[in-house]
């Protein structure tokens, strides 16, 4: 398993609590809003990497390091997410 799969699961679960989207633009907007919320919730992003099956991807942060989340949008597909530490 990889962090993207866990993130997609979080997005799908949050989408269930939103009203059904009536257009592709509305769906994209909902997904983008959820990702923006996650981007600002460092503890939830960190928790993704605490799962036993993906600890291989976890990097311990040094005090001055920051976690950077890069969102790559490709057409109508779910965004690709990349995590980096500075």
PDB file of N, CA and C in Angstrom:
ATOM      1  N   UNK A   1       0.837  -1.190   0.000  1.00  0.00           N
ATOM      2  CA  UNK A   1       0.000   0.000   0.000  1.00  0.00           C
ATOM      3  C   UNK A   1       0.877   1.246   0.000  1.00  0.00           C
ATOM      4  N   UNK A   2       0.319   2.334  -0.484  1.00  0.00           N
ATOM      5  CA  UNK A   2       1.089   3.573  -0.496  1.00  0.00           C
ATOM      6  C   UNK A   2       0.238   4.716   0.064  1.00  0.00           C
ATOM      7  N   UNK A   3       0.856   5.829   0.406  1.00  0.00           N
ATOM      8  CA  UNK A   3       0.135   6.954   1.006  1.00  0.00           C
ATOM      9  C   UNK A   3      -1.012   7.484   0.142  1.00  0.00           C
ATOM     10  N   UNK A   4      -0.865   7.424  -1.183  1.00  0.00           N
ATOM     11  CA  UNK A   4      -1.935   7.904  -2.070  1.00  0.00           C
ATOM     12  C   UNK A   4      -3.231   7.138  -1.838  1.00  0.00           C
ATOM     13  N   UNK A   5      -3.123   5.821  -1.620  1.00  0.00           N
ATOM     14  CA  UNK A   5      -4.319   5.006  -1.415  1.00  0.00           C
ATOM     15  C   UNK A   5      -5.039   5.408  -0.130  1.00  0.00           C
ATOM     16  N   UNK A   6      -4.288   5.694   0.913  1.00  0.00           N
ATOM     17  CA  UNK A   6      -4.900   6.140   2.168  1.00  0.00           C
ATOM     18  C   UNK A   6      -5.533   7.516   2.004  1.00  0.00           C
ATOM     19  N   UNK A   7      -4.859   8.379   1.281  1.00  0.00           N
ATOM     20  CA  UNK A   7      -5.399   9.717   1.037  1.00  0.00           C
ATOM     21  C   UNK A   7      -6.685   9.640   0.211  1.00  0.00           C
ATOM     22  N   UNK A   8      -6.687   8.798  -0.810  1.00  0.00           N
ATOM     23  CA  UNK A   8      -7.898   8.630  -1.617  1.00  0.00           C
ATOM     24  C   UNK A   8      -9.045   8.121  -0.753  1.00  0.00           C
ATOM     25  N   UNK A   9      -8.752   7.238   0.192  1.00  0.00           N
ATOM     26  CA  UNK A   9      -9.777   6.723   1.097  1.00  0.00           C
ATOM     27  C   UNK A   9     -10.359   7.852   1.966  1.00  0.00           C
ATOM     28  N   UNK A  10      -9.501   8.719   2.459  1.00  0.00           N
ATOM     29  CA  UNK A  10      -9.958   9.863   3.254  1.00  0.00           C
ATOM     30  C   UNK A  10     -10.871  10.750   2.410  1.00  0.00           C
ATOM     31  N   UNK A  11     -10.457  11.014   1.172  1.00  0.00           N
ATOM     32  CA  UNK A  11     -11.260  11.865   0.276  1.00  0.00           C
ATOM     33  C   UNK A  11     -12.622  11.221   0.019  1.00  0.00           C
ATOM     34  N   UNK A  12     -12.625   9.924  -0.268  1.00  0.00           N
ATOM     35  CA  UNK A  12     -13.897   9.237  -0.542  1.00  0.00           C
ATOM     36  C   UNK A  12     -14.814   9.286   0.670  1.00  0.00           C
ATOM     37  N   UNK A  13     -14.278   9.065   1.859  1.00  0.00           N
ATOM     38  CA  UNK A  13     -15.098   9.115   3.066  1.00  0.00           C
ATOM     39  C   UNK A  13     -15.685  10.501   3.294  1.00  0.00           C
ATOM     40  N   UNK A  14     -14.883  11.539   3.089  1.00  0.00           N
ATOM     41  CA  UNK A  14     -15.383  12.908   3.273  1.00  0.00           C
ATOM     42  C   UNK A  14     -16.408  13.279   2.211  1.00  0.00           C
ATOM     43  N   UNK A  15     -16.244  12.750   0.998  1.00  0.00           N
ATOM     44  CA  UNK A  15     -17.194  13.035  -0.080  1.00  0.00           C
ATOM     45  C   UNK A  15     -18.582  12.502   0.268  1.00  0.00           C
ATOM     46  N   UNK A  16     -18.648  11.411   1.022  1.00  0.00           N
ATOM     47  CA  UNK A  16     -19.941  10.827   1.389  1.00  0.00           C
ATOM     48  C   UNK A  16     -20.751  11.752   2.282  1.00  0.00           C
ATOM     49  N   UNK A  17     -20.079  12.647   2.996  1.00  0.00           N
ATOM     50  CA  UNK A  17     -20.802  13.554   3.894  1.00  0.00           C
ATOM     51  C   UNK A  17     -21.265  14.832   3.177  1.00  0.00           C
ATOM     52  N   UNK A  18     -20.851  15.007   1.933  1.00  0.00           N
ATOM     53  CA  UNK A  18     -21.240  16.188   1.152  1.00  0.00           C
ATOM     54  C   UNK A  18     -22.452  15.868   0.279  1.00  0.00           C
ATOM     55  N   UNK A  19     -23.225  16.868  -0.087  1.00  0.00           N
ATOM     56  CA  UNK A  19     -24.325  16.626  -1.036  1.00  0.00           C
ATOM     57  C   UNK A  19     -23.755  16.136  -2.374  1.00  0.00           C
ATOM     58  N   UNK A  20     -24.537  15.349  -3.078  1.00  0.00           N
ATOM     59  CA  UNK A  20     -24.085  14.807  -4.358  1.00  0.00           C
ATOM     60  C   UNK A  20     -23.813  15.936  -5.348  1.00  0.00           C
ATOM     61  N   UNK A  21     -22.674  15.854  -6.023  1.00  0.00           N
ATOM     62  CA  UNK A  21     -22.309  16.856  -7.031  1.00  0.00           C
ATOM     63  C   UNK A  21     -23.162  16.637  -8.276  1.00  0.00           C
ATOM     64  N   UNK A  22     -23.575  17.739  -8.912  1.00  0.00           N
ATOM     65  CA  UNK A  22     -24.428  17.654 -10.102  1.00  0.00           C
ATOM     66  C   UNK A  22     -23.658  17.971 -11.381  1.00  0.00           C
ATOM     67  N   UNK A  23     -22.373  18.244 -11.263  1.00  0.00           N
ATOM     68  CA  UNK A  23     -21.556  18.507 -12.444  1.00  0.00           C
ATOM     69  C   UNK A  23     -20.115  18.125 -12.131  1.00  0.00           C
ATOM     70  N   UNK A  24     -19.334  17.972 -13.179  1.00  0.00           N
ATOM     71  CA  UNK A  24     -17.914  17.643 -13.011  1.00  0.00           C
ATOM     72  C   UNK A  24     -17.190  18.776 -12.291  1.00  0.00           C
ATOM     73  N   UNK A  25     -17.549  20.021 -12.602  1.00  0.00           N
ATOM     74  CA  UNK A  25     -16.919  21.164 -11.938  1.00  0.00           C
ATOM     75  C   UNK A  25     -17.207  21.169 -10.440  1.00  0.00           C
ATOM     76  N   UNK A  26     -18.446  20.825 -10.077  1.00  0.00           N
ATOM     77  CA  UNK A  26     -18.809  20.774  -8.661  1.00  0.00           C
ATOM     78  C   UNK A  26     -18.062  19.647  -7.954  1.00  0.00           C
ATOM     79  N   UNK A  27     -17.930  18.504  -8.625  1.00  0.00           N
ATOM     80  CA  UNK A  27     -17.178  17.381  -8.056  1.00  0.00           C
ATOM     81  C   UNK A  27     -15.717  17.766  -7.843  1.00  0.00           C
ATOM     82  N   UNK A  28     -15.122  18.374  -8.865  1.00  0.00           N
ATOM     83  CA  UNK A  28     -13.728  18.812  -8.743  1.00  0.00           C
ATOM     84  C   UNK A  28     -13.558  19.818  -7.612  1.00  0.00           C
ATOM     85  N   UNK A  29     -14.506  20.728  -7.485  1.00  0.00           N
ATOM     86  CA  UNK A  29     -14.451  21.730  -6.429  1.00  0.00           C
ATOM     87  C   UNK A  29     -14.529  21.076  -5.044  1.00  0.00           C
ATOM     88  N   UNK A  30     -15.411  20.085  -4.902  1.00  0.00           N
ATOM     89  CA  UNK A  30     -15.522  19.373  -3.620  1.00  0.00           C
ATOM     90  C   UNK A  30     -14.228  18.659  -3.260  1.00  0.00           C
ATOM     91  N   UNK A  31     -13.647  17.953  -4.227  1.00  0.00           N
ATOM     92  CA  UNK A  31     -12.391  17.228  -3.979  1.00  0.00           C
ATOM     93  C   UNK A  31     -11.287  18.216  -3.639  1.00  0.00           C
ATOM     94  N   UNK A  32     -11.208  19.309  -4.389  1.00  0.00           N
ATOM     95  CA  UNK A  32     -10.180  20.324  -4.137  1.00  0.00           C
ATOM     96  C   UNK A  32     -10.326  20.910  -2.727  1.00  0.00           C
ATOM     97  N   UNK A  33     -11.573  21.158  -2.307  1.00  0.00           N
ATOM     98  CA  UNK A  33     -11.812  21.692  -0.961  1.00  0.00           C
ATOM     99  C   UNK A  33     -11.349  20.733   0.131  1.00  0.00           C
ATOM    100  N   UNK A  34     -11.613  19.442  -0.063  1.00  0.00           N
ATOM    101  CA  UNK A  34     -11.176  18.437   0.916  1.00  0.00           C
ATOM    102  C   UNK A  34      -9.661  18.395   0.984  1.00  0.00           C
ATOM    103  N   UNK A  35      -9.018  18.430  -0.157  1.00  0.00           N
ATOM    104  CA  UNK A  35      -7.544  18.392  -0.180  1.00  0.00           C
ATOM    105  C   UNK A  35      -6.966  19.637   0.483  1.00  0.00           C
ATOM    106  N   UNK A  36      -7.581  20.793   0.249  1.00  0.00           N
ATOM    107  CA  UNK A  36      -7.114  22.022   0.902  1.00  0.00           C
ATOM    108  C   UNK A  36      -7.231  21.914   2.417  1.00  0.00           C
ATOM    109  N   UNK A  37      -8.344  21.325   2.906  1.00  0.00           N
ATOM    110  CA  UNK A  37      -8.503  21.120   4.352  1.00  0.00           C
ATOM    111  C   UNK A  37      -7.401  20.221   4.883  1.00  0.00           C
ATOM    112  N   UNK A  38      -7.112  19.148   4.156  1.00  0.00           N
ATOM    113  CA  UNK A  38      -6.056  18.220   4.592  1.00  0.00           C
ATOM    114  C   UNK A  38      -4.695  18.893   4.579  1.00  0.00           C
ATOM    115  N   UNK A  39      -4.479  19.741   3.607  1.00  0.00           N
ATOM    116  CA  UNK A  39      -3.203  20.441   3.487  1.00  0.00           C
ATOM    117  C   UNK A  39      -2.917  21.257   4.745  1.00  0.00           C
ATOM    118  N   UNK A  40      -3.967  21.761   5.372  1.00  0.00           N
ATOM    119  CA  UNK A  40      -3.803  22.582   6.567  1.00  0.00           C
ATOM    120  C   UNK A  40      -3.907  21.782   7.865  1.00  0.00           C
ATOM    121  N   UNK A  41      -4.180  20.490   7.760  1.00  0.00           N
ATOM    122  CA  UNK A  41      -4.315  19.628   8.931  1.00  0.00           C
ATOM    123  C   UNK A  41      -3.097  18.707   9.012  1.00  0.00           C
ATOM    124  N   UNK A  42      -2.013  19.243   9.524  1.00  0.00           N
ATOM    125  CA  UNK A  42      -0.739  18.522   9.552  1.00  0.00           C
ATOM    126  C   UNK A  42      -0.833  17.212  10.327  1.00  0.00           C
ATOM    127  N   UNK A  43      -1.634  17.191  11.395  1.00  0.00           N
ATOM    128  CA  UNK A  43      -1.723  15.968  12.198  1.00  0.00           C
ATOM    129  C   UNK A  43      -2.382  14.844  11.403  1.00  0.00           C
ATOM    130  N   UNK A  44      -3.371  15.165  10.581  1.00  0.00           N
ATOM    131  CA  UNK A  44      -4.026  14.128   9.782  1.00  0.00           C
ATOM    132  C   UNK A  44      -3.092  13.613   8.686  1.00  0.00           C
ATOM    133  N   UNK A  45      -2.341  14.509   8.051  1.00  0.00           N
ATOM    134  CA  UNK A  45      -1.383  14.082   7.028  1.00  0.00           C
ATOM    135  C   UNK A  45      -0.310  13.208   7.671  1.00  0.00           C
ATOM    136  N   UNK A  46       0.166  13.605   8.837  1.00  0.00           N
ATOM    137  CA  UNK A  46       1.182  12.825   9.539  1.00  0.00           C
ATOM    138  C   UNK A  46       0.640  11.446   9.909  1.00  0.00           C
ATOM    139  N   UNK A  47      -0.628  11.396  10.285  1.00  0.00           N
ATOM    140  CA  UNK A  47      -1.257  10.138  10.695  1.00  0.00           C
ATOM    141  C   UNK A  47      -1.286   9.123   9.548  1.00  0.00           C
ATOM    142  N   UNK A  48      -1.407   9.609   8.317  1.00  0.00           N
ATOM    143  CA  UNK A  48      -1.393   8.716   7.154  1.00  0.00           C
ATOM    144  C   UNK A  48      -0.125   7.869   7.164  1.00  0.00           C
ATOM    145  N   UNK A  49       0.988   8.470   7.538  1.00  0.00           N
ATOM    146  CA  UNK A  49       2.272   7.785   7.495  1.00  0.00           C
ATOM    147  C   UNK A  49       2.536   6.929   8.732  1.00  0.00           C
ATOM    148  N   UNK A  50       1.637   6.970   9.711  1.00  0.00           N
ATOM    149  CA  UNK A  50       1.803   6.166  10.914  1.00  0.00           C
ATOM    150  C   UNK A  50       1.265   4.742  10.767  1.00  0.00           C
ATOM    151  N   UNK A  51       0.513   4.485   9.707  1.00  0.00           N
ATOM    152  CA  UNK A  51      -0.045   3.150   9.504  1.00  0.00           C
ATOM    153  C   UNK A  51       1.089   2.157   9.242  1.00  0.00           C
ATOM    154  N   UNK A  52       0.988   0.975   9.839  1.00  0.00           N
ATOM    155  CA  UNK A  52       2.050  -0.034   9.744  1.00  0.00           C
ATOM    156  C   UNK A  52       2.448  -0.377   8.312  1.00  0.00           C
ATOM    157  N   UNK A  53       1.477  -0.412   7.409  1.00  0.00           N
ATOM    158  CA  UNK A  53       1.770  -0.848   6.044  1.00  0.00           C
ATOM    159  C   UNK A  53       2.462   0.208   5.193  1.00  0.00           C
ATOM    160  N   UNK A  54       2.529   1.443   5.671  1.00  0.00           N
ATOM    161  CA  UNK A  54       3.223   2.468   4.877  1.00  0.00           C
ATOM    162  C   UNK A  54       4.277   3.223   5.681  1.00  0.00           C
ATOM    163  N   UNK A  55       4.694   2.661   6.790  1.00  0.00           N
ATOM    164  CA  UNK A  55       5.756   3.317   7.564  1.00  0.00           C
ATOM    165  C   UNK A  55       7.045   3.438   6.758  1.00  0.00           C
ATOM    166  N   UNK A  56       7.184   2.597   5.717  1.00  0.00           N
ATOM    167  CA  UNK A  56       8.374   2.663   4.872  1.00  0.00           C
ATOM    168  C   UNK A  56       8.526   4.045   4.238  1.00  0.00           C
ATOM    169  N   UNK A  57       7.408   4.754   4.052  1.00  0.00           N
ATOM    170  CA  UNK A  57       7.449   6.064   3.392  1.00  0.00           C
ATOM    171  C   UNK A  57       7.635   7.211   4.374  1.00  0.00           C
ATOM    172  N   UNK A  58       7.639   6.890   5.657  1.00  0.00           N
ATOM    173  CA  UNK A  58       7.728   7.939   6.680  1.00  0.00           C
ATOM    174  C   UNK A  58       9.175   8.386   6.867  1.00  0.00           C
ATOM    175  N   UNK A  59       9.349   9.686   6.951  1.00  0.00           N
ATOM    176  CA  UNK A  59      10.658  10.266   7.231  1.00  0.00           C
ATOM    177  C   UNK A  59      10.504  11.104   8.484  1.00  0.00           C
ATOM    178  N   UNK A  60      11.334  10.844   9.462  1.00  0.00           N
ATOM    179  CA  UNK A  60      11.248  11.629  10.694  1.00  0.00           C
ATOM    180  C   UNK A  60      11.718  13.054  10.413  1.00  0.00           C
ATOM    181  N   UNK A  61      10.924  13.986  10.837  1.00  0.00           N
ATOM    182  CA  UNK A  61      11.240  15.399  10.603  1.00  0.00           C
ATOM    183  C   UNK A  61      12.214  15.917  11.646  1.00  0.00           C
ATOM    184  N   UNK A  62      13.114  16.723  11.190  1.00  0.00           N
ATOM    185  CA  UNK A  62      13.981  17.454  12.100  1.00  0.00           C
ATOM    186  C   UNK A  62      13.253  18.742  12.457  1.00  0.00           C
ATOM    187  N   UNK A  63      13.597  19.377  13.556  1.00  0.00           N
ATOM    188  CA  UNK A  63      12.838  20.560  13.998  1.00  0.00           C
ATOM    189  C   UNK A  63      12.624  21.634  12.935  1.00  0.00           C
ATOM    190  N   UNK A  64      13.583  21.856  12.054  1.00  0.00           N
ATOM    191  CA  UNK A  64      13.446  22.930  11.073  1.00  0.00           C
ATOM    192  C   UNK A  64      12.791  22.447   9.775  1.00  0.00           C
ATOM    193  N   UNK A  65      12.578  21.136   9.648  1.00  0.00           N
ATOM    194  CA  UNK A  65      11.982  20.607   8.421  1.00  0.00           C
ATOM    195  C   UNK A  65      10.492  20.880   8.361  1.00  0.00           C
ATOM    196  N   UNK A  66       9.996  21.048   7.140  1.00  0.00           N
ATOM    197  CA  UNK A  66       8.577  21.241   6.916  1.00  0.00           C
ATOM    198  C   UNK A  66       8.099  20.192   5.928  1.00  0.00           C
ATOM    199  N   UNK A  67       6.866  19.766   6.091  1.00  0.00           N
ATOM    200  CA  UNK A  67       6.250  18.846   5.144  1.00  0.00           C
ATOM    201  C   UNK A  67       5.576  19.675   4.068  1.00  0.00           C
ATOM    202  N   UNK A  68       5.889  19.362   2.820  1.00  0.00           N
ATOM    203  CA  UNK A  68       5.304  20.072   1.691  1.00  0.00           C
ATOM    204  C   UNK A  68       4.431  19.095   0.919  1.00  0.00           C
ATOM    205  N   UNK A  69       3.215  19.500   0.644  1.00  0.00           N
ATOM    206  CA  UNK A  69       2.287  18.698  -0.134  1.00  0.00           C
ATOM    207  C   UNK A  69       2.090  19.391  -1.468  1.00  0.00           C
ATOM    208  N   UNK A  70       2.412  18.683  -2.549  1.00  0.00           N
ATOM    209  CA  UNK A  70       2.239  19.232  -3.891  1.00  0.00           C
ATOM    210  C   UNK A  70       1.082  18.482  -4.548  1.00  0.00           C
ATOM    211  N   UNK A  71       0.150  19.229  -5.091  1.00  0.00           N
ATOM    212  CA  UNK A  71      -1.022  18.652  -5.739  1.00  0.00           C
ATOM    213  C   UNK A  71      -0.871  18.831  -7.247  1.00  0.00           C
ATOM    214  N   UNK A  72      -0.909  17.713  -7.981  1.00  0.00           N
ATOM    215  CA  UNK A  72      -0.819  17.755  -9.436  1.00  0.00           C
ATOM    216  C   UNK A  72      -2.173  17.340  -9.988  1.00  0.00           C
ATOM    217  N   UNK A  73      -2.808  18.240 -10.715  1.00  0.00           N
ATOM    218  CA  UNK A  73      -4.121  17.946 -11.292  1.00  0.00           C
ATOM    219  C   UNK A  73      -3.936  17.526 -12.743  1.00  0.00           C
ATOM    220  N   UNK A  74      -4.610  16.438 -13.111  1.00  0.00           N
ATOM    221  CA  UNK A  74      -4.540  15.935 -14.490  1.00  0.00           C
ATOM    222  C   UNK A  74      -5.946  15.742 -15.021  1.00  0.00           C
ATOM    223  N   UNK A  75      -6.437  16.691 -15.760  1.00  0.00           N
ATOM    224  CA  UNK A  75      -7.768  16.583 -16.357  1.00  0.00           C
ATOM    225  C   UNK A  75      -8.835  16.339 -15.310  1.00  0.00           C
ATOM    226  N   UNK A  76      -9.692  15.365 -15.563  1.00  0.00           N
ATOM    227  CA  UNK A  76     -10.795  15.074 -14.665  1.00  0.00           C
ATOM    228  C   UNK A  76     -10.461  13.988 -13.647  1.00  0.00           C
ATOM    229  N   UNK A  77      -9.225  13.497 -13.656  1.00  0.00           N
ATOM    230  CA  UNK A  77      -8.821  12.458 -12.711  1.00  0.00           C
ATOM    231  C   UNK A  77      -8.576  13.049 -11.336  1.00  0.00           C
ATOM    232  N   UNK A  78      -8.588  12.170 -10.314  1.00  0.00           N
ATOM    233  CA  UNK A  78      -8.235  12.636  -8.975  1.00  0.00           C
ATOM    234  C   UNK A  78      -6.807  13.171  -9.002  1.00  0.00           C
ATOM    235  N   UNK A  79      -6.527  14.171  -8.202  1.00  0.00           N
ATOM    236  CA  UNK A  79      -5.180  14.755  -8.190  1.00  0.00           C
ATOM    237  C   UNK A  79      -4.144  13.769  -7.694  1.00  0.00           C
ATOM    238  N   UNK A  80      -2.931  13.907  -8.173  1.00  0.00           N
ATOM    239  CA  UNK A  80      -1.778  13.143  -7.689  1.00  0.00           C
ATOM    240  C   UNK A  80      -1.143  13.975  -6.592  1.00  0.00           C
ATOM    241  N   UNK A  81      -0.821  13.368  -5.474  1.00  0.00           N
ATOM    242  CA  UNK A  81      -0.261  14.089  -4.357  1.00  0.00           C
ATOM    243  C   UNK A  81       1.171  13.639  -4.100  1.00  0.00           C
ATOM    244  N   UNK A  82       2.042  14.584  -3.932  1.00  0.00           N
ATOM    245  CA  UNK A  82       3.449  14.310  -3.644  1.00  0.00           C
ATOM    246  C   UNK A  82       3.806  14.963  -2.312  1.00  0.00           C
ATOM    247  N   UNK A  83       4.484  14.227  -1.452  1.00  0.00           N
ATOM    248  CA  UNK A  83       4.897  14.732  -0.145  1.00  0.00           C
ATOM    249  C   UNK A  83       6.419  14.879  -0.136  1.00  0.00           C
ATOM    250  N   UNK A  84       6.894  15.995   0.352  1.00  0.00           N
ATOM    251  CA  UNK A  84       8.322  16.253   0.467  1.00  0.00           C
ATOM    252  C   UNK A  84       8.638  16.865   1.806  1.00  0.00           C
ATOM    253  N   UNK A  85       9.816  16.639   2.286  1.00  0.00           N
ATOM    254  CA  UNK A  85      10.311  17.315   3.489  1.00  0.00           C
ATOM    255  C   UNK A  85      11.459  18.218   3.083  1.00  0.00           C
ATOM    256  N   UNK A  86      11.481  19.421   3.649  1.00  0.00           N
ATOM    257  CA  UNK A  86      12.570  20.350   3.336  1.00  0.00           C
ATOM    258  C   UNK A  86      13.651  20.226   4.385  1.00  0.00           C
TER     259      UNK A  86
END
